[in-house]
């Protein structure tokens, strides 16, 4: 139900440069992070582990899911097609408002905000607009900050593992954090 609510919230806020970061994070928490959270928690449930371990793995999954989505948002503007598995700029062409856009919009000049409104809210996209979007995102530090925030969520996920003894399972979960965040580089 939470994932469906997240999908509805995303539809309601799509193409709206006026949404806030908290609204955006609420959507990705309800979608990607909820899926990761459930996937990480289920092992502890099936193994009948203590509630503290269930909670730690659920929290790990939620933080990892947010990190994953933030990296994915940055990659849409800064990756090669072979790395991304889809065309670079698909989110832009679809008018999706992601954290890099919100950051660039907040830091941008009035002309840049007008550009985002035209291209994302009105979907009036012209030749060269994707390149201009990439230039604005880089100039405003939006991609870099999105990846930094993803890394911070990755570290939050890693701290959730502190209750588990050192060993191959904990190392594998920690390595997953590294893999998730390293996709951005």
N, C-alpha and C. Protein backbone atom coordinates (compact mmCIF):
# COMPACT_ATOMS: atom_id res chain seq x y z
N UNK A 1 0.82 -1.20 0.00
CA UNK A 1 0.00 0.00 0.00
C UNK A 1 0.86 1.26 0.00
N UNK A 2 1.98 1.21 0.74
CA UNK A 2 2.85 2.39 0.82
C UNK A 2 3.45 2.70 -0.54
N UNK A 3 3.86 1.65 -1.27
CA UNK A 3 4.45 1.86 -2.59
C UNK A 3 3.41 2.47 -3.53
N UNK A 4 2.18 2.00 -3.48
CA UNK A 4 1.12 2.56 -4.32
C UNK A 4 0.86 4.02 -3.97
N UNK A 5 0.87 4.33 -2.67
CA UNK A 5 0.70 5.73 -2.24
C UNK A 5 1.85 6.59 -2.77
N UNK A 6 3.06 6.04 -2.76
CA UNK A 6 4.21 6.77 -3.29
C UNK A 6 4.07 7.03 -4.78
N UNK A 7 3.55 6.05 -5.50
CA UNK A 7 3.33 6.21 -6.93
C UNK A 7 2.31 7.31 -7.20
N UNK A 8 1.24 7.33 -6.44
CA UNK A 8 0.22 8.38 -6.58
C UNK A 8 0.83 9.74 -6.25
N UNK A 9 1.60 9.82 -5.17
CA UNK A 9 2.24 11.09 -4.79
C UNK A 9 3.17 11.56 -5.89
N UNK A 10 3.89 10.63 -6.53
CA UNK A 10 4.78 11.02 -7.62
C UNK A 10 3.99 11.56 -8.80
N UNK A 11 2.87 10.93 -9.11
CA UNK A 11 2.03 11.41 -10.21
C UNK A 11 1.49 12.80 -9.93
N UNK A 12 1.10 13.04 -8.68
CA UNK A 12 0.56 14.34 -8.29
C UNK A 12 1.62 15.44 -8.38
N UNK A 13 2.86 15.10 -8.05
CA UNK A 13 3.92 16.11 -8.02
C UNK A 13 4.77 16.13 -9.29
N UNK A 14 4.52 15.23 -10.24
CA UNK A 14 5.34 15.22 -11.45
C UNK A 14 5.14 16.53 -12.20
N UNK A 15 6.18 16.97 -12.83
CA UNK A 15 6.18 18.21 -13.61
C UNK A 15 5.92 19.45 -12.76
N UNK A 16 6.18 19.38 -11.47
CA UNK A 16 5.93 20.52 -10.59
C UNK A 16 7.23 20.95 -9.92
N UNK A 17 7.85 22.00 -10.46
CA UNK A 17 9.11 22.48 -9.90
C UNK A 17 8.92 23.12 -8.53
N UNK A 18 7.68 23.31 -8.13
CA UNK A 18 7.40 23.92 -6.83
C UNK A 18 7.39 22.95 -5.67
N UNK A 19 7.54 21.65 -5.93
CA UNK A 19 7.55 20.71 -4.81
C UNK A 19 8.82 20.92 -4.00
N UNK A 20 8.74 20.65 -2.74
CA UNK A 20 9.90 20.80 -1.87
C UNK A 20 10.69 19.51 -1.78
N UNK A 21 11.90 19.63 -1.24
CA UNK A 21 12.75 18.46 -1.07
C UNK A 21 12.09 17.42 -0.18
N UNK A 22 11.41 17.88 0.87
CA UNK A 22 10.76 16.92 1.78
C UNK A 22 9.68 16.12 1.05
N UNK A 23 8.92 16.78 0.18
CA UNK A 23 7.91 16.06 -0.60
C UNK A 23 8.57 15.04 -1.52
N UNK A 24 9.66 15.46 -2.15
CA UNK A 24 10.40 14.55 -3.03
C UNK A 24 10.92 13.35 -2.25
N UNK A 25 11.54 13.60 -1.09
CA UNK A 25 12.08 12.51 -0.28
C UNK A 25 10.95 11.60 0.22
N UNK A 26 9.81 12.16 0.50
CA UNK A 26 8.66 11.35 0.93
C UNK A 26 8.26 10.38 -0.18
N UNK A 27 8.30 10.83 -1.42
CA UNK A 27 7.95 9.97 -2.55
C UNK A 27 8.96 8.83 -2.68
N UNK A 28 10.26 9.15 -2.62
CA UNK A 28 11.23 8.05 -2.80
C UNK A 28 11.27 7.14 -1.58
N UNK A 29 10.94 7.67 -0.41
CA UNK A 29 10.82 6.80 0.77
C UNK A 29 9.67 5.82 0.57
N UNK A 30 8.57 6.31 0.03
CA UNK A 30 7.39 5.48 -0.15
C UNK A 30 7.55 4.48 -1.29
N UNK A 31 8.43 4.75 -2.22
CA UNK A 31 8.60 3.85 -3.36
C UNK A 31 9.86 3.01 -3.20
N UNK A 32 10.96 3.50 -3.65
CA UNK A 32 12.21 2.74 -3.67
C UNK A 32 12.63 2.30 -2.28
N UNK A 33 12.62 3.21 -1.33
CA UNK A 33 13.11 2.87 0.01
C UNK A 33 12.23 1.83 0.70
N UNK A 34 10.94 1.87 0.47
CA UNK A 34 10.05 0.88 1.07
C UNK A 34 10.32 -0.51 0.50
N UNK A 35 10.58 -0.58 -0.78
CA UNK A 35 10.92 -1.86 -1.41
C UNK A 35 12.22 -2.43 -0.84
N UNK A 36 13.25 -1.59 -0.75
CA UNK A 36 14.53 -2.03 -0.19
C UNK A 36 14.37 -2.42 1.28
N UNK A 37 13.60 -1.66 1.99
CA UNK A 37 13.36 -1.92 3.42
C UNK A 37 12.74 -3.30 3.62
N UNK A 38 11.71 -3.59 2.86
CA UNK A 38 11.04 -4.89 2.98
C UNK A 38 11.98 -6.03 2.58
N UNK A 39 12.73 -5.84 1.51
CA UNK A 39 13.65 -6.88 1.05
C UNK A 39 14.73 -7.17 2.09
N UNK A 40 15.21 -6.15 2.75
CA UNK A 40 16.26 -6.34 3.75
C UNK A 40 15.71 -6.92 5.05
N UNK A 41 14.51 -6.58 5.40
CA UNK A 41 13.91 -7.04 6.65
C UNK A 41 13.46 -8.49 6.58
N UNK A 42 13.03 -8.94 5.42
CA UNK A 42 12.40 -10.25 5.30
C UNK A 42 13.31 -11.40 5.74
N UNK A 43 14.60 -11.28 5.48
CA UNK A 43 15.53 -12.33 5.91
C UNK A 43 15.52 -12.53 7.41
N UNK A 44 15.51 -11.44 8.14
CA UNK A 44 15.48 -11.52 9.61
C UNK A 44 14.15 -12.09 10.09
N UNK A 45 13.07 -11.75 9.41
CA UNK A 45 11.75 -12.27 9.79
C UNK A 45 11.70 -13.78 9.58
N UNK A 46 12.12 -14.22 8.40
CA UNK A 46 12.08 -15.65 8.08
C UNK A 46 13.00 -16.44 9.01
N UNK A 47 14.15 -15.86 9.34
CA UNK A 47 15.11 -16.54 10.23
C UNK A 47 14.73 -16.40 11.71
N UNK A 48 13.62 -15.72 11.97
CA UNK A 48 13.13 -15.51 13.33
C UNK A 48 14.19 -14.88 14.24
N UNK A 49 14.82 -13.85 13.71
CA UNK A 49 15.82 -13.10 14.45
C UNK A 49 15.12 -12.11 15.39
N UNK A 50 15.84 -11.61 16.39
CA UNK A 50 15.24 -10.65 17.32
C UNK A 50 14.74 -9.38 16.61
N UNK A 51 13.76 -8.74 17.23
CA UNK A 51 13.17 -7.51 16.70
C UNK A 51 14.24 -6.45 16.43
N UNK A 52 15.25 -6.37 17.28
CA UNK A 52 16.31 -5.35 17.08
C UNK A 52 17.03 -5.58 15.76
N UNK A 53 17.24 -6.83 15.39
CA UNK A 53 17.91 -7.13 14.12
C UNK A 53 16.97 -6.86 12.94
N UNK A 54 15.69 -7.20 13.11
CA UNK A 54 14.71 -6.87 12.06
C UNK A 54 14.71 -5.36 11.80
N UNK A 55 14.64 -4.58 12.88
CA UNK A 55 14.58 -3.12 12.76
C UNK A 55 15.87 -2.60 12.12
N UNK A 56 17.02 -3.12 12.54
CA UNK A 56 18.30 -2.66 11.99
C UNK A 56 18.36 -2.93 10.49
N UNK A 57 17.92 -4.10 10.07
CA UNK A 57 17.94 -4.42 8.64
C UNK A 57 16.90 -3.61 7.87
N UNK A 58 15.75 -3.36 8.47
CA UNK A 58 14.75 -2.52 7.82
C UNK A 58 15.28 -1.10 7.65
N UNK A 59 15.90 -0.57 8.69
CA UNK A 59 16.48 0.78 8.62
C UNK A 59 17.61 0.84 7.60
N UNK A 60 18.42 -0.21 7.58
CA UNK A 60 19.51 -0.32 6.59
C UNK A 60 18.91 -0.26 5.18
N UNK A 61 17.88 -1.07 4.94
CA UNK A 61 17.26 -1.11 3.62
C UNK A 61 16.65 0.22 3.20
N UNK A 62 16.01 0.89 4.15
CA UNK A 62 15.41 2.19 3.83
C UNK A 62 16.49 3.20 3.43
N UNK A 63 17.55 3.28 4.22
CA UNK A 63 18.63 4.22 3.91
C UNK A 63 19.32 3.85 2.60
N UNK A 64 19.53 2.55 2.38
CA UNK A 64 20.14 2.10 1.13
C UNK A 64 19.25 2.43 -0.06
N UNK A 65 17.94 2.26 0.10
CA UNK A 65 17.01 2.58 -0.98
C UNK A 65 17.03 4.05 -1.36
N UNK A 66 17.11 4.91 -0.36
CA UNK A 66 17.20 6.34 -0.64
C UNK A 66 18.50 6.66 -1.34
N UNK A 67 19.61 6.09 -0.85
CA UNK A 67 20.91 6.31 -1.50
C UNK A 67 20.85 5.84 -2.95
N UNK A 68 20.30 4.67 -3.17
CA UNK A 68 20.19 4.11 -4.52
C UNK A 68 19.42 5.05 -5.44
N UNK A 69 18.28 5.55 -4.98
CA UNK A 69 17.45 6.42 -5.81
C UNK A 69 18.14 7.75 -6.10
N UNK A 70 18.82 8.31 -5.11
CA UNK A 70 19.53 9.57 -5.34
C UNK A 70 20.63 9.39 -6.37
N UNK A 71 21.36 8.28 -6.28
CA UNK A 71 22.40 8.01 -7.28
C UNK A 71 21.76 7.84 -8.65
N UNK A 72 20.65 7.12 -8.71
CA UNK A 72 19.95 6.93 -9.98
C UNK A 72 19.53 8.27 -10.58
N UNK A 73 19.05 9.17 -9.73
CA UNK A 73 18.65 10.50 -10.20
C UNK A 73 19.83 11.27 -10.78
N UNK A 74 20.98 11.18 -10.12
CA UNK A 74 22.18 11.86 -10.62
C UNK A 74 22.67 11.21 -11.91
N UNK A 75 22.64 9.88 -11.96
CA UNK A 75 23.12 9.17 -13.14
C UNK A 75 22.30 9.51 -14.38
N UNK A 76 21.04 9.82 -14.21
CA UNK A 76 20.21 10.15 -15.37
C UNK A 76 20.78 11.35 -16.13
N UNK A 77 21.54 12.16 -15.46
CA UNK A 77 22.13 13.33 -16.10
C UNK A 77 23.64 13.21 -16.30
N UNK A 78 24.26 12.19 -15.72
CA UNK A 78 25.71 12.17 -15.78
C UNK A 78 26.35 10.84 -16.12
N UNK A 79 25.59 9.88 -16.61
CA UNK A 79 26.15 8.55 -16.87
C UNK A 79 26.15 8.26 -18.37
N UNK A 80 26.88 7.23 -18.72
CA UNK A 80 26.85 6.71 -20.08
C UNK A 80 25.65 5.76 -20.19
N UNK A 81 25.10 5.64 -21.36
CA UNK A 81 23.95 4.77 -21.58
C UNK A 81 24.25 3.34 -21.13
N UNK A 82 25.47 2.86 -21.39
CA UNK A 82 25.82 1.48 -21.03
C UNK A 82 25.81 1.27 -19.52
N UNK A 83 26.13 2.30 -18.75
CA UNK A 83 26.10 2.22 -17.29
C UNK A 83 24.67 2.32 -16.79
N UNK A 84 23.91 3.20 -17.38
CA UNK A 84 22.57 3.53 -16.90
C UNK A 84 21.53 2.48 -17.28
N UNK A 85 21.69 1.87 -18.44
CA UNK A 85 20.70 0.90 -18.90
C UNK A 85 19.49 1.56 -19.55
N UNK A 86 19.52 2.86 -19.67
CA UNK A 86 18.47 3.61 -20.37
C UNK A 86 19.14 4.85 -20.94
N UNK A 87 18.40 5.59 -21.70
CA UNK A 87 18.96 6.80 -22.31
C UNK A 87 19.24 7.86 -21.25
N UNK A 88 20.38 8.52 -21.37
CA UNK A 88 20.68 9.65 -20.50
C UNK A 88 19.64 10.73 -20.79
N UNK A 89 19.09 11.31 -19.73
CA UNK A 89 18.12 12.38 -19.89
C UNK A 89 16.68 11.92 -19.98
N UNK A 90 16.42 10.64 -19.77
CA UNK A 90 15.03 10.17 -19.82
C UNK A 90 14.15 10.90 -18.80
N UNK A 91 14.67 11.10 -17.59
CA UNK A 91 13.89 11.82 -16.57
C UNK A 91 13.58 13.24 -17.05
N UNK A 92 14.56 13.87 -17.66
CA UNK A 92 14.37 15.23 -18.19
C UNK A 92 13.28 15.23 -19.25
N UNK A 93 13.40 14.32 -20.22
CA UNK A 93 12.41 14.27 -21.30
C UNK A 93 11.00 13.98 -20.77
N UNK A 94 10.92 13.21 -19.67
CA UNK A 94 9.62 12.88 -19.08
C UNK A 94 9.11 13.97 -18.13
N UNK A 95 9.92 14.98 -17.88
CA UNK A 95 9.51 16.05 -16.98
C UNK A 95 9.54 15.66 -15.52
N UNK A 96 10.34 14.65 -15.18
CA UNK A 96 10.41 14.20 -13.78
C UNK A 96 11.23 15.18 -12.95
N UNK A 97 10.67 15.53 -11.82
CA UNK A 97 11.36 16.43 -10.89
C UNK A 97 12.09 15.55 -9.88
N UNK A 98 13.42 15.63 -9.91
CA UNK A 98 14.25 14.84 -9.01
C UNK A 98 15.11 15.80 -8.19
N UNK A 99 15.85 15.25 -7.23
CA UNK A 99 16.64 16.12 -6.36
C UNK A 99 17.61 17.02 -7.13
N UNK A 100 18.34 16.52 -8.13
CA UNK A 100 19.22 17.45 -8.85
C UNK A 100 18.48 18.66 -9.41
N UNK A 101 17.29 18.43 -9.93
CA UNK A 101 16.49 19.54 -10.47
C UNK A 101 16.07 20.49 -9.36
N UNK A 102 15.60 19.95 -8.25
CA UNK A 102 15.18 20.80 -7.14
C UNK A 102 16.33 21.67 -6.64
N UNK A 103 17.51 21.09 -6.54
CA UNK A 103 18.68 21.86 -6.08
C UNK A 103 19.05 22.95 -7.08
N UNK A 104 19.09 22.59 -8.36
CA UNK A 104 19.44 23.58 -9.39
C UNK A 104 18.38 24.67 -9.47
N UNK A 105 17.13 24.30 -9.33
CA UNK A 105 16.05 25.28 -9.37
C UNK A 105 16.19 26.27 -8.21
N UNK A 106 16.44 25.76 -7.02
CA UNK A 106 16.55 26.62 -5.84
C UNK A 106 17.75 27.56 -5.93
N UNK A 107 18.82 27.11 -6.54
CA UNK A 107 20.05 27.91 -6.63
C UNK A 107 20.14 28.74 -7.90
N UNK A 108 19.22 28.54 -8.80
CA UNK A 108 19.34 29.14 -10.12
C UNK A 108 18.88 30.57 -10.20
N UNK A 109 19.25 31.18 -11.32
CA UNK A 109 18.79 32.53 -11.63
C UNK A 109 17.33 32.44 -12.08
N UNK A 110 16.70 33.58 -12.21
CA UNK A 110 15.31 33.59 -12.68
C UNK A 110 15.23 33.00 -14.08
N UNK A 111 16.21 33.29 -14.93
CA UNK A 111 16.21 32.73 -16.29
C UNK A 111 16.33 31.21 -16.25
N UNK A 112 17.13 30.69 -15.33
CA UNK A 112 17.26 29.24 -15.19
C UNK A 112 15.97 28.62 -14.67
N UNK A 113 15.34 29.27 -13.73
CA UNK A 113 14.06 28.76 -13.22
C UNK A 113 13.00 28.77 -14.33
N UNK A 114 13.01 29.80 -15.15
CA UNK A 114 12.10 29.85 -16.30
C UNK A 114 12.37 28.68 -17.25
N UNK A 115 13.66 28.38 -17.45
CA UNK A 115 14.05 27.24 -18.29
C UNK A 115 13.46 25.95 -17.74
N UNK A 116 13.61 25.72 -16.43
CA UNK A 116 13.08 24.48 -15.83
C UNK A 116 11.56 24.43 -15.94
N UNK A 117 10.90 25.56 -15.74
CA UNK A 117 9.43 25.58 -15.85
C UNK A 117 9.00 25.22 -17.28
N UNK A 118 9.67 25.83 -18.27
CA UNK A 118 9.32 25.57 -19.67
C UNK A 118 9.57 24.10 -20.03
N UNK A 119 10.74 23.59 -19.66
CA UNK A 119 11.11 22.25 -20.12
C UNK A 119 10.47 21.13 -19.32
N UNK A 120 10.24 21.35 -18.03
CA UNK A 120 9.73 20.26 -17.19
C UNK A 120 8.25 20.39 -16.85
N UNK A 121 7.79 21.60 -16.57
CA UNK A 121 6.37 21.76 -16.26
C UNK A 121 5.53 21.77 -17.54
N UNK A 122 5.97 22.54 -18.51
CA UNK A 122 5.21 22.66 -19.76
C UNK A 122 5.62 21.60 -20.78
N UNK A 123 6.73 20.92 -20.54
CA UNK A 123 7.31 19.94 -21.45
C UNK A 123 7.56 20.53 -22.84
N UNK A 124 7.89 21.81 -22.87
CA UNK A 124 8.27 22.49 -24.11
C UNK A 124 9.79 22.37 -24.23
N UNK A 125 10.22 21.26 -24.81
CA UNK A 125 11.65 20.98 -24.92
C UNK A 125 12.10 21.13 -26.36
N UNK A 126 13.23 21.79 -26.51
CA UNK A 126 13.77 22.13 -27.82
C UNK A 126 15.15 21.53 -27.99
N UNK A 127 15.64 21.47 -29.22
CA UNK A 127 17.00 20.97 -29.42
C UNK A 127 18.00 21.76 -28.57
N UNK A 128 18.89 21.05 -27.93
CA UNK A 128 19.90 21.69 -27.08
C UNK A 128 19.49 21.87 -25.64
N UNK A 129 18.22 21.63 -25.32
CA UNK A 129 17.76 21.83 -23.94
C UNK A 129 18.38 20.84 -22.96
N UNK A 130 18.56 19.59 -23.36
CA UNK A 130 19.17 18.63 -22.45
C UNK A 130 20.60 19.06 -22.13
N UNK A 131 21.33 19.51 -23.13
CA UNK A 131 22.70 19.97 -22.90
C UNK A 131 22.71 21.18 -21.97
N UNK A 132 21.75 22.08 -22.15
CA UNK A 132 21.66 23.24 -21.26
C UNK A 132 21.32 22.80 -19.84
N UNK A 133 20.42 21.84 -19.71
CA UNK A 133 20.07 21.31 -18.39
C UNK A 133 21.30 20.74 -17.70
N UNK A 134 22.09 19.96 -18.44
CA UNK A 134 23.31 19.38 -17.87
C UNK A 134 24.28 20.46 -17.42
N UNK A 135 24.40 21.50 -18.22
CA UNK A 135 25.31 22.60 -17.87
C UNK A 135 24.84 23.31 -16.60
N UNK A 136 23.55 23.57 -16.49
CA UNK A 136 23.01 24.23 -15.29
C UNK A 136 23.21 23.35 -14.07
N UNK A 137 22.90 22.07 -14.20
CA UNK A 137 23.06 21.14 -13.07
C UNK A 137 24.50 21.12 -12.57
N UNK A 138 25.44 21.10 -13.50
CA UNK A 138 26.86 21.10 -13.10
C UNK A 138 27.26 22.43 -12.47
N UNK A 139 26.86 23.52 -13.10
CA UNK A 139 27.24 24.84 -12.60
C UNK A 139 26.69 25.09 -11.20
N UNK A 140 25.51 24.62 -10.94
CA UNK A 140 24.87 24.83 -9.64
C UNK A 140 25.25 23.77 -8.60
N UNK A 141 26.11 22.82 -9.00
CA UNK A 141 26.58 21.80 -8.06
C UNK A 141 25.51 20.80 -7.67
N UNK A 142 24.46 20.71 -8.46
CA UNK A 142 23.31 19.86 -8.09
C UNK A 142 23.63 18.37 -8.18
N UNK A 143 24.38 17.96 -9.18
CA UNK A 143 24.72 16.54 -9.30
C UNK A 143 25.68 16.13 -8.19
N UNK A 144 26.68 16.96 -7.95
CA UNK A 144 27.65 16.66 -6.89
C UNK A 144 26.95 16.55 -5.53
N UNK A 145 26.08 17.50 -5.23
CA UNK A 145 25.40 17.46 -3.93
C UNK A 145 24.46 16.27 -3.82
N UNK A 146 23.81 15.91 -4.90
CA UNK A 146 22.93 14.74 -4.87
C UNK A 146 23.73 13.48 -4.54
N UNK A 147 24.90 13.33 -5.15
CA UNK A 147 25.76 12.18 -4.87
C UNK A 147 26.28 12.23 -3.43
N UNK A 148 26.61 13.42 -2.95
CA UNK A 148 27.06 13.56 -1.55
C UNK A 148 25.95 13.15 -0.59
N UNK A 149 24.73 13.53 -0.89
CA UNK A 149 23.61 13.13 -0.02
C UNK A 149 23.39 11.62 -0.09
N UNK A 150 23.56 11.06 -1.28
CA UNK A 150 23.45 9.60 -1.41
C UNK A 150 24.51 8.92 -0.55
N UNK A 151 25.72 9.45 -0.57
CA UNK A 151 26.79 8.87 0.25
C UNK A 151 26.46 8.97 1.73
N UNK A 152 25.84 10.06 2.14
CA UNK A 152 25.45 10.22 3.55
C UNK A 152 24.39 9.18 3.93
N UNK A 153 23.43 8.95 3.06
CA UNK A 153 22.44 7.90 3.33
C UNK A 153 23.11 6.52 3.34
N UNK A 154 24.11 6.35 2.48
CA UNK A 154 24.86 5.09 2.49
C UNK A 154 25.55 4.87 3.82
N UNK A 155 26.13 5.93 4.36
CA UNK A 155 26.78 5.80 5.68
C UNK A 155 25.76 5.53 6.77
N UNK A 156 24.59 6.12 6.65
CA UNK A 156 23.52 5.84 7.61
C UNK A 156 23.15 4.36 7.55
N UNK A 157 23.06 3.82 6.34
CA UNK A 157 22.77 2.39 6.18
C UNK A 157 23.86 1.55 6.83
N UNK A 158 25.10 1.91 6.58
CA UNK A 158 26.23 1.15 7.13
C UNK A 158 26.19 1.15 8.66
N UNK A 159 25.85 2.28 9.28
CA UNK A 159 25.78 2.35 10.75
C UNK A 159 24.71 1.41 11.32
N UNK A 160 23.69 1.15 10.53
CA UNK A 160 22.64 0.22 10.98
C UNK A 160 23.19 -1.20 11.17
N UNK A 161 24.30 -1.49 10.55
CA UNK A 161 24.89 -2.82 10.63
C UNK A 161 25.75 -3.01 11.87
N UNK A 162 25.96 -1.94 12.63
CA UNK A 162 26.84 -2.00 13.80
C UNK A 162 26.40 -3.02 14.84
N UNK A 163 25.13 -3.36 14.89
CA UNK A 163 24.68 -4.31 15.91
C UNK A 163 25.04 -5.76 15.56
N UNK A 164 25.46 -5.99 14.32
CA UNK A 164 25.78 -7.34 13.89
C UNK A 164 27.28 -7.62 14.07
N UNK A 165 27.63 -8.86 14.37
CA UNK A 165 29.05 -9.19 14.53
C UNK A 165 29.77 -9.09 13.19
N UNK A 166 31.05 -8.77 13.25
CA UNK A 166 31.86 -8.73 12.03
C UNK A 166 31.84 -10.11 11.39
N UNK A 167 31.82 -10.13 10.09
CA UNK A 167 31.81 -11.40 9.38
C UNK A 167 31.38 -11.21 7.94
N UNK A 168 31.32 -12.30 7.19
CA UNK A 168 31.02 -12.21 5.76
C UNK A 168 29.65 -11.59 5.44
N UNK A 169 28.63 -11.88 6.24
CA UNK A 169 27.30 -11.33 5.95
C UNK A 169 27.30 -9.81 6.13
N UNK A 170 27.85 -9.35 7.22
CA UNK A 170 27.92 -7.90 7.46
C UNK A 170 28.79 -7.23 6.40
N UNK A 171 29.91 -7.86 6.06
CA UNK A 171 30.78 -7.30 5.03
C UNK A 171 30.06 -7.19 3.69
N UNK A 172 29.26 -8.20 3.35
CA UNK A 172 28.52 -8.17 2.08
C UNK A 172 27.53 -7.02 2.05
N UNK A 173 26.83 -6.80 3.16
CA UNK A 173 25.87 -5.69 3.22
C UNK A 173 26.60 -4.34 3.15
N UNK A 174 27.75 -4.25 3.78
CA UNK A 174 28.54 -3.03 3.72
C UNK A 174 29.05 -2.79 2.30
N UNK A 175 29.49 -3.87 1.64
CA UNK A 175 29.96 -3.76 0.26
C UNK A 175 28.83 -3.32 -0.68
N UNK A 176 27.61 -3.72 -0.37
CA UNK A 176 26.46 -3.32 -1.17
C UNK A 176 26.27 -1.80 -1.12
N UNK A 177 26.51 -1.22 0.04
CA UNK A 177 26.45 0.24 0.16
C UNK A 177 27.49 0.87 -0.76
N UNK A 178 28.72 0.34 -0.71
CA UNK A 178 29.79 0.88 -1.56
C UNK A 178 29.42 0.78 -3.03
N UNK A 179 28.90 -0.37 -3.44
CA UNK A 179 28.52 -0.57 -4.83
C UNK A 179 27.44 0.42 -5.25
N UNK A 180 26.45 0.58 -4.40
CA UNK A 180 25.33 1.47 -4.70
C UNK A 180 25.80 2.90 -4.94
N UNK A 181 26.62 3.40 -4.04
CA UNK A 181 27.07 4.79 -4.13
C UNK A 181 28.14 4.94 -5.21
N UNK A 182 28.99 3.92 -5.39
CA UNK A 182 30.07 4.01 -6.37
C UNK A 182 29.55 4.04 -7.80
N UNK A 183 28.30 3.63 -8.03
CA UNK A 183 27.74 3.69 -9.38
C UNK A 183 27.78 5.11 -9.93
N UNK A 184 27.83 6.08 -9.04
CA UNK A 184 27.77 7.49 -9.47
C UNK A 184 29.10 7.99 -9.99
N UNK A 185 30.15 7.21 -9.81
CA UNK A 185 31.48 7.72 -10.19
C UNK A 185 32.04 7.03 -11.40
